C-alpha atoms as a PDB file:
ATOM      1  CA  MET A   1     -65.486  86.612 155.771  1.00  0.00           C
ATOM      2  CA  ALA A   2     -68.000  89.311 154.914  1.00  0.00           C
ATOM      3  CA  VAL A   3     -69.479  89.002 151.461  1.00  0.00           C
ATOM      4  CA  ASN A   4     -70.009  92.132 149.423  1.00  0.00           C
ATOM      5  CA  THR A   5     -73.368  91.757 147.678  1.00  0.00           C
ATOM      6  CA  THR A   6     -73.269  94.990 145.705  1.00  0.00           C
ATOM      7  CA  ALA A   7     -72.791  94.952 141.935  1.00  0.00           C
ATOM      8  CA  ASP A   8     -70.303  97.839 142.017  1.00  0.00           C
ATOM      9  CA  TRP A   9     -66.594  97.213 142.312  1.00  0.00           C
ATOM     10  CA  ASN A  10     -65.368 100.697 143.073  1.00  0.00           C
ATOM     11  CA  ASP A  11     -62.061  99.898 144.801  1.00  0.00           C
ATOM     12  CA  PRO A  12     -59.718  97.922 142.536  1.00  0.00           C
ATOM     13  CA  ILE A  13     -57.365  97.028 145.371  1.00  0.00           C
ATOM     14  CA  SER A  14     -60.093  95.341 147.424  1.00  0.00           C
ATOM     15  CA  CYS A  15     -61.806  92.071 146.583  1.00  0.00           C
ATOM     16  CA  PRO A  16     -65.384  92.847 145.530  1.00  0.00           C
ATOM     17  CA  PHE A  17     -66.591  89.629 147.167  1.00  0.00           C
ATOM     18  CA  CYS A  18     -64.998  89.758 150.629  1.00  0.00           C
ATOM     19  CA  GLY A  19     -63.405  93.205 150.869  1.00  0.00           C
ATOM     20  CA  ASP A  20     -59.885  91.897 151.574  1.00  0.00           C
ATOM     21  CA  GLU A  21     -57.022  94.045 150.297  1.00  0.00           C
ATOM     22  CA  LEU A  22     -55.382  92.753 147.117  1.00  0.00           C
ATOM     23  CA  THR A  23     -51.671  92.936 146.324  1.00  0.00           C
ATOM     24  CA  SER A  24     -52.611  94.358 142.910  1.00  0.00           C
ATOM     25  CA  PRO A  25     -55.834  94.894 140.942  1.00  0.00           C
ATOM     26  CA  GLY A  26     -54.918  92.369 138.224  1.00  0.00           C
ATOM     27  CA  ALA A  27     -52.668  89.473 139.165  1.00  0.00           C
ATOM     28  CA  GLY A  28     -53.364  90.047 142.852  1.00  0.00           C
ATOM     29  CA  PHE A  29     -57.070  89.475 142.256  1.00  0.00           C
ATOM     30  CA  ILE A  30     -56.386  86.218 140.380  1.00  0.00           C
ATOM     31  CA  ASP A  31     -54.047  85.047 143.168  1.00  0.00           C
ATOM     32  CA  HIS A  32     -56.727  85.941 145.711  1.00  0.00           C
ATOM     33  CA  ILE A  33     -59.547  84.003 144.041  1.00  0.00           C
ATOM     34  CA  ASP A  34     -57.171  81.050 143.560  1.00  0.00           C
ATOM     35  CA  SER A  35     -56.649  80.950 147.329  1.00  0.00           C
ATOM     36  CA  SER A  36     -60.234  81.741 148.405  1.00  0.00           C
ATOM     37  CA  ALA A  37     -62.923  79.264 147.399  1.00  0.00           C
ATOM     38  CA  ASP A  38     -65.745  81.620 148.446  1.00  0.00           C
ATOM     39  CA  CYS A  39     -64.380  84.471 146.333  1.00  0.00           C
ATOM     40  CA  GLU A  40     -63.708  82.163 143.391  1.00  0.00           C
ATOM     41  CA  ASP A  41     -67.334  80.969 143.589  1.00  0.00           C
ATOM     42  CA  GLY A  42     -68.498  84.595 143.681  1.00  0.00           C
ATOM     43  CA  PHE A  43     -66.347  85.453 140.669  1.00  0.00           C
ATOM     44  CA  GLN A  44     -67.602  82.450 138.688  1.00  0.00           C
ATOM     45  CA  GLN A  45     -71.204  83.388 139.479  1.00  0.00           C
ATOM     46  CA  TRP A  46     -70.561  87.014 138.457  1.00  0.00           C
ATOM     47  CA  ARG A  47     -68.868  85.854 135.254  1.00  0.00           C
ATOM     48  CA  ALA A  48     -71.804  83.569 134.402  1.00  0.00           C
ATOM     49  CA  ASN A  49     -74.230  86.437 135.026  1.00  0.00           C
ATOM     50  CA  ILE A  50     -72.506  88.749 132.543  1.00  0.00           C
ATOM     51  CA  ALA A  51     -71.518  86.141 129.948  1.00  0.00           C
ATOM     52  CA  GLY A  52     -74.563  86.930 127.828  1.00  0.00           C
ATOM     53  CA  ASP A  53     -73.634  90.619 127.790  1.00  0.00           C
ATOM     54  CA  LEU A  54     -70.359  89.951 125.978  1.00  0.00           C
ATOM     55  CA  ALA A  55     -70.075  89.041 122.313  1.00  0.00           C
ATOM     56  CA  GLY A  56     -68.201  85.765 122.610  1.00  0.00           C
ATOM     57  CA  GLU A  57     -65.906  84.708 125.421  1.00  0.00           C
ATOM     58  CA  TRP A  58     -63.093  86.931 126.619  1.00  0.00           C
ATOM     59  CA  SER A  59     -59.508  85.765 126.746  1.00  0.00           C
ATOM     60  CA  GLY A  60     -58.939  86.672 130.433  1.00  0.00           C
END
């Protein structure tokens, strides 16, 4: 699995962490990170990195 290390997610139907095609940009991404430990780790790291930029936690 190739890891995408860029900060830009410019293709909403591809996983920003591995580049795999998603079934959909929303639910398909969640299904993908649920089935890919590496991508879930990447998402959790990304989320932790931006948490201070958001006023409070988001609901998603």
